[in-house]
C-alpha cells in the first residue's frame, strides 16, 4: 500500500487540554483511509502527568497539572518549546513502536546538530540530552533538552515530543522532571544556539518527514 506524506498543521499557541482532546477524537474516529497528520504547537504553561506519575491532577503552584494517557511521569510545557504530535497509523507504515520512538529521538538529535548542538540518548531515561558540567549520579555531566511521551491506540499514535528552544526553565525546577530526581533541564538558547522557534520547527519538520519517507521506501522494498 502506498502511504501518503502526512498532513502537517501548525496550531500556533494553543491550550493543552483542547488539543489533547482533539488528538483523541482524531484517533478514535480515524479509518484505515484517514491520512496521517503531524501537529506542531506551543502550549501556555502547563504540567502534564503521564501514566507513571504519582500526582495525577490538580496544580503545581499556580500552574495546572493535567493527567494524560501517554507514558512517562510529570513534565512541563511552556511557550518557546517546540511540541510535536505525530498522529500516525503505525500498522499502515509497518512501524514497530520501538522503531518509531528511535525515529523521533534521532530526528531530534539531527535537528540539534544542525544548530551546532551535540546531543545523545540516555540508556535508562527516554529523551535527548546534552553535555553539561556538574550534576550527580546517572545524570552527571548531562542535562535534558527534549522529552518524549507517546501513547498508541488501535495501532495509531498520540502525543509525541517536546524540544526546549527558548523556554522558561523555571517551571522544571518545581518538579523532578520526568520523575528523575537530580535531572537538570536546559534549552537551545542557553546553549548559545542562534535560532528561533519557527526556524527550528522548519528543520525538524524536514527531518521527520524525510525519515518517515525513508522508512516507507525501505518497507516497500522488503
Protein backbone atom coordinates (compact mmCIF):
# COMPACT_ATOMS: atom_id res chain seq x y z
CA UNK A 1 0.00 0.00 0.00
CA UNK A 2 1.26 3.48 -0.88
CA UNK A 3 1.21 5.75 2.17
CA UNK A 4 0.88 9.46 1.59
CA UNK A 5 3.02 12.14 3.20
CA UNK A 6 1.43 13.25 6.50
CA UNK A 7 -0.55 16.47 6.56
CA UNK A 8 1.37 19.00 8.69
CA UNK A 9 -0.57 21.51 10.77
CA UNK A 10 0.81 24.38 12.85
CA UNK A 11 -1.65 25.12 15.66
CA UNK A 12 0.31 28.10 17.00
CA UNK A 13 -0.13 28.82 20.71
CA UNK A 14 -2.99 26.67 21.98
CA UNK A 15 -4.25 25.48 25.37
CA UNK A 16 -3.17 21.95 26.19
CA UNK A 17 -6.45 20.26 27.06
CA UNK A 18 -8.44 21.12 23.89
CA UNK A 19 -5.53 19.99 21.71
CA UNK A 20 -5.20 16.77 23.71
CA UNK A 21 -8.91 16.06 23.31
CA UNK A 22 -8.70 16.81 19.57
CA UNK A 23 -5.94 14.18 19.29
CA UNK A 24 -8.16 11.63 21.00
CA UNK A 25 -11.11 12.40 18.74
CA UNK A 26 -8.93 12.23 15.63
CA UNK A 27 -7.55 8.85 16.67
CA UNK A 28 -10.90 7.44 17.79
CA UNK A 29 -12.70 8.39 14.58
CA UNK A 30 -9.99 7.74 12.01
CA UNK A 31 -10.37 4.93 9.46
CA UNK A 32 -7.74 2.92 7.54
CA UNK A 33 -8.01 5.56 4.81
CA UNK A 34 -7.55 8.61 7.04
CA UNK A 35 -4.33 10.46 6.15
CA UNK A 36 -1.76 10.75 8.91
CA UNK A 37 -1.18 14.19 10.41
CA UNK A 38 1.62 15.91 12.33
CA UNK A 39 0.68 18.79 14.64
CA UNK A 40 3.15 21.46 15.74
CA UNK A 41 2.05 23.55 18.71
CA UNK A 42 3.15 25.71 21.63
CA UNK A 43 1.29 25.47 24.91
CA UNK A 44 0.80 28.07 27.65
CA UNK A 45 2.41 26.95 30.92
CA UNK A 46 1.06 23.54 31.96
CA UNK A 47 2.28 20.40 33.71
CA UNK A 48 1.20 17.04 32.32
CA UNK A 49 1.26 13.78 34.26
CA UNK A 50 1.78 10.57 32.34
CA UNK A 51 0.89 7.04 33.41
CA UNK A 52 3.92 6.74 35.72
CA UNK A 53 3.17 9.87 37.76
CA UNK A 54 2.01 9.61 41.35
CA UNK A 55 0.37 13.06 41.32
CA UNK A 56 -2.24 12.89 38.57
CA UNK A 57 -4.31 16.07 38.84
CA UNK A 58 -4.59 19.48 40.48
CA UNK A 59 -1.87 22.10 40.11
CA UNK A 60 1.74 22.83 40.95
CA UNK A 61 1.87 26.36 42.30
CA UNK A 62 -0.46 28.33 40.06
CA UNK A 63 0.15 26.10 37.00
CA UNK A 64 -2.43 23.39 36.19
CA UNK A 65 -1.45 19.72 36.23
CA UNK A 66 -3.30 17.62 33.64
CA UNK A 67 -3.41 13.79 33.67
CA UNK A 68 -2.86 12.15 30.27
CA UNK A 69 -2.55 8.65 28.84
CA UNK A 70 0.98 8.96 27.47
CA UNK A 71 3.89 7.12 29.01
CA UNK A 72 6.25 8.79 31.46
CA UNK A 73 5.94 10.95 34.54
CA UNK A 74 5.41 14.71 35.01
CA UNK A 75 6.79 17.22 32.53
CA UNK A 76 6.35 20.91 31.80
CA UNK A 77 5.22 22.75 28.68
CA UNK A 78 5.52 26.49 28.11
CA UNK A 79 5.87 28.98 25.23
CA UNK A 80 9.19 28.74 23.41
CA UNK A 81 9.01 24.95 23.38
CA UNK A 82 8.52 23.03 20.13
CA UNK A 83 5.84 20.44 20.78
CA UNK A 84 5.14 17.92 18.02
CA UNK A 85 2.26 15.43 17.94
CA UNK A 86 2.60 12.87 15.11
CA UNK A 87 -0.76 11.16 14.59
CA UNK A 88 0.38 8.15 12.61
CA UNK A 89 -1.06 4.77 11.69
CA UNK A 90 1.90 2.58 12.67
CA UNK A 91 0.45 -0.58 11.14
CA UNK A 92 -0.04 1.08 7.78
CA UNK A 93 3.53 2.35 7.90
CA UNK A 94 4.89 -1.04 9.08
CA UNK A 95 6.47 0.65 12.10
CA UNK A 96 7.06 -1.04 15.43
CA UNK A 97 6.75 1.19 18.49
CA UNK A 98 10.46 0.84 19.35
CA UNK A 99 11.44 1.86 15.82
CA UNK A 100 9.05 4.79 15.92
CA UNK A 101 10.47 6.07 19.22
CA UNK A 102 14.00 5.78 17.85
CA UNK A 103 12.94 7.71 14.74
CA UNK A 104 11.58 10.59 16.82
CA UNK A 105 14.68 10.79 19.00
CA UNK A 106 17.17 10.51 16.15
CA UNK A 107 15.44 13.26 14.17
CA UNK A 108 15.68 15.47 17.27
CA UNK A 109 19.40 14.72 17.57
CA UNK A 110 19.90 15.52 13.87
CA UNK A 111 17.99 18.78 14.24
CA UNK A 112 20.08 19.88 17.21
CA UNK A 113 23.24 19.06 15.26
CA UNK A 114 22.09 21.44 12.52
CA UNK A 115 22.37 24.22 15.12
CA UNK A 116 25.76 23.09 16.38
CA UNK A 117 24.46 21.28 19.46
CA UNK A 118 25.82 17.83 20.29
CA UNK A 119 23.21 15.59 21.89
CA UNK A 120 22.75 11.98 22.91
CA UNK A 121 20.21 9.45 24.13
CA UNK A 122 20.32 8.09 27.67
CA UNK A 123 20.06 4.29 28.03
CA UNK A 124 17.85 4.44 31.13
CA UNK A 125 15.83 7.62 30.66
CA UNK A 126 13.96 8.42 27.42
CA UNK A 127 14.62 11.78 25.80
CA UNK A 128 17.54 13.74 24.37
CA UNK A 129 20.42 15.07 26.48
CA UNK A 130 23.32 17.49 26.02
CA UNK A 131 26.71 17.68 27.75
CA UNK A 132 26.67 20.00 30.77
CA UNK A 133 29.25 20.21 33.58
CA UNK A 134 28.10 19.26 37.07
CA UNK A 135 25.16 17.20 38.14
CA UNK A 136 25.06 13.99 40.13
CA UNK A 137 24.57 10.28 39.72
CA UNK A 138 23.41 8.88 36.41
CA UNK A 139 22.79 12.41 35.10
CA UNK A 140 26.25 13.72 35.95
CA UNK A 141 27.66 15.74 33.06
CA UNK A 142 24.40 15.97 31.10
CA UNK A 143 21.12 17.90 31.00
CA UNK A 144 17.84 17.14 29.25
CA UNK A 145 16.82 19.27 26.29
CA UNK A 146 13.94 17.24 24.79
CA UNK A 147 11.37 14.83 26.18
CA UNK A 148 9.24 12.11 24.63
CA UNK A 149 5.95 10.57 25.72
CA UNK A 150 3.67 8.64 23.39
CA UNK A 151 0.50 6.60 23.50
CA UNK A 152 -0.66 4.04 20.95
CA UNK A 153 -4.37 3.35 20.45
CA UNK A 154 -5.71 0.97 17.80
CA UNK A 155 -2.29 0.98 16.17
CA UNK A 156 -2.17 4.77 15.91
CA UNK A 157 -0.03 7.25 17.83
CA UNK A 158 -0.91 10.18 20.08
CA UNK A 159 1.25 12.68 21.97
CA UNK A 160 4.89 12.99 20.95
CA UNK A 161 7.95 15.10 21.68
CA UNK A 162 8.87 18.47 23.18
CA UNK A 163 12.12 20.33 22.44
CA UNK A 164 13.14 23.31 24.56
CA UNK A 165 14.14 26.12 22.21
CA UNK A 166 13.85 29.29 24.33
CA UNK A 167 11.70 28.11 27.23
CA UNK A 168 11.21 29.48 30.75
CA UNK A 169 13.08 26.71 32.53
CA UNK A 170 11.91 27.77 35.99
CA UNK A 171 8.86 25.54 35.61
CA UNK A 172 11.07 22.46 35.53
CA UNK A 173 12.65 23.37 38.86
CA UNK A 174 9.34 22.81 40.65
CA UNK A 175 9.33 19.10 39.75
CA UNK A 176 11.56 16.09 39.33
CA UNK A 177 11.47 16.28 35.52
CA UNK A 178 10.01 13.10 34.06
CA UNK A 179 10.22 11.58 37.53
CA UNK A 180 14.03 11.73 37.84
CA UNK A 181 15.43 13.46 40.90
CA UNK A 182 18.53 15.49 40.11
CA UNK A 183 17.81 15.74 36.40
CA UNK A 184 18.67 19.19 35.03
CA UNK A 185 16.88 20.73 32.05
CA UNK A 186 18.20 23.23 29.51
CA UNK A 187 17.20 24.81 26.19
CA UNK A 188 18.82 25.68 22.89
CA UNK A 189 19.13 29.39 23.69
CA UNK A 190 21.01 28.65 26.92
CA UNK A 191 23.48 26.63 24.87
CA UNK A 192 24.14 29.58 22.57
CA UNK A 193 22.19 28.40 19.53
CA UNK A 194 21.40 31.19 17.07
CA UNK A 195 17.83 30.23 16.20
CA UNK A 196 14.18 31.00 16.71
CA UNK A 197 11.27 28.63 17.18
CA UNK A 198 10.00 28.89 13.60
CA UNK A 199 13.41 28.01 12.18
CA UNK A 200 13.76 25.00 14.49
CA UNK A 201 10.26 23.83 13.56
CA UNK A 202 11.16 24.00 9.88
CA UNK A 203 14.34 21.99 10.40
CA UNK A 204 12.58 19.32 12.46
CA UNK A 205 9.63 19.07 10.06
CA UNK A 206 12.00 18.45 7.16
CA UNK A 207 13.90 15.72 9.02
CA UNK A 208 10.83 13.96 10.39
CA UNK A 209 9.09 13.82 7.01
CA UNK A 210 12.29 12.57 5.35
CA UNK A 211 12.77 9.85 7.98
CA UNK A 212 9.17 8.67 7.60
CA UNK A 213 9.56 8.62 3.83
CA UNK A 214 12.80 6.64 4.04
CA UNK A 215 11.16 4.06 6.32
CA UNK A 216 8.28 3.74 3.87
CA UNK A 217 10.59 3.26 0.89
CA UNK A 218 12.50 0.61 2.82
CA UNK A 219 9.34 -1.29 3.80
CA UNK A 220 8.06 -1.20 0.21
CA UNK A 221 11.30 -2.88 -0.93
CA UNK A 222 11.18 -5.65 1.69
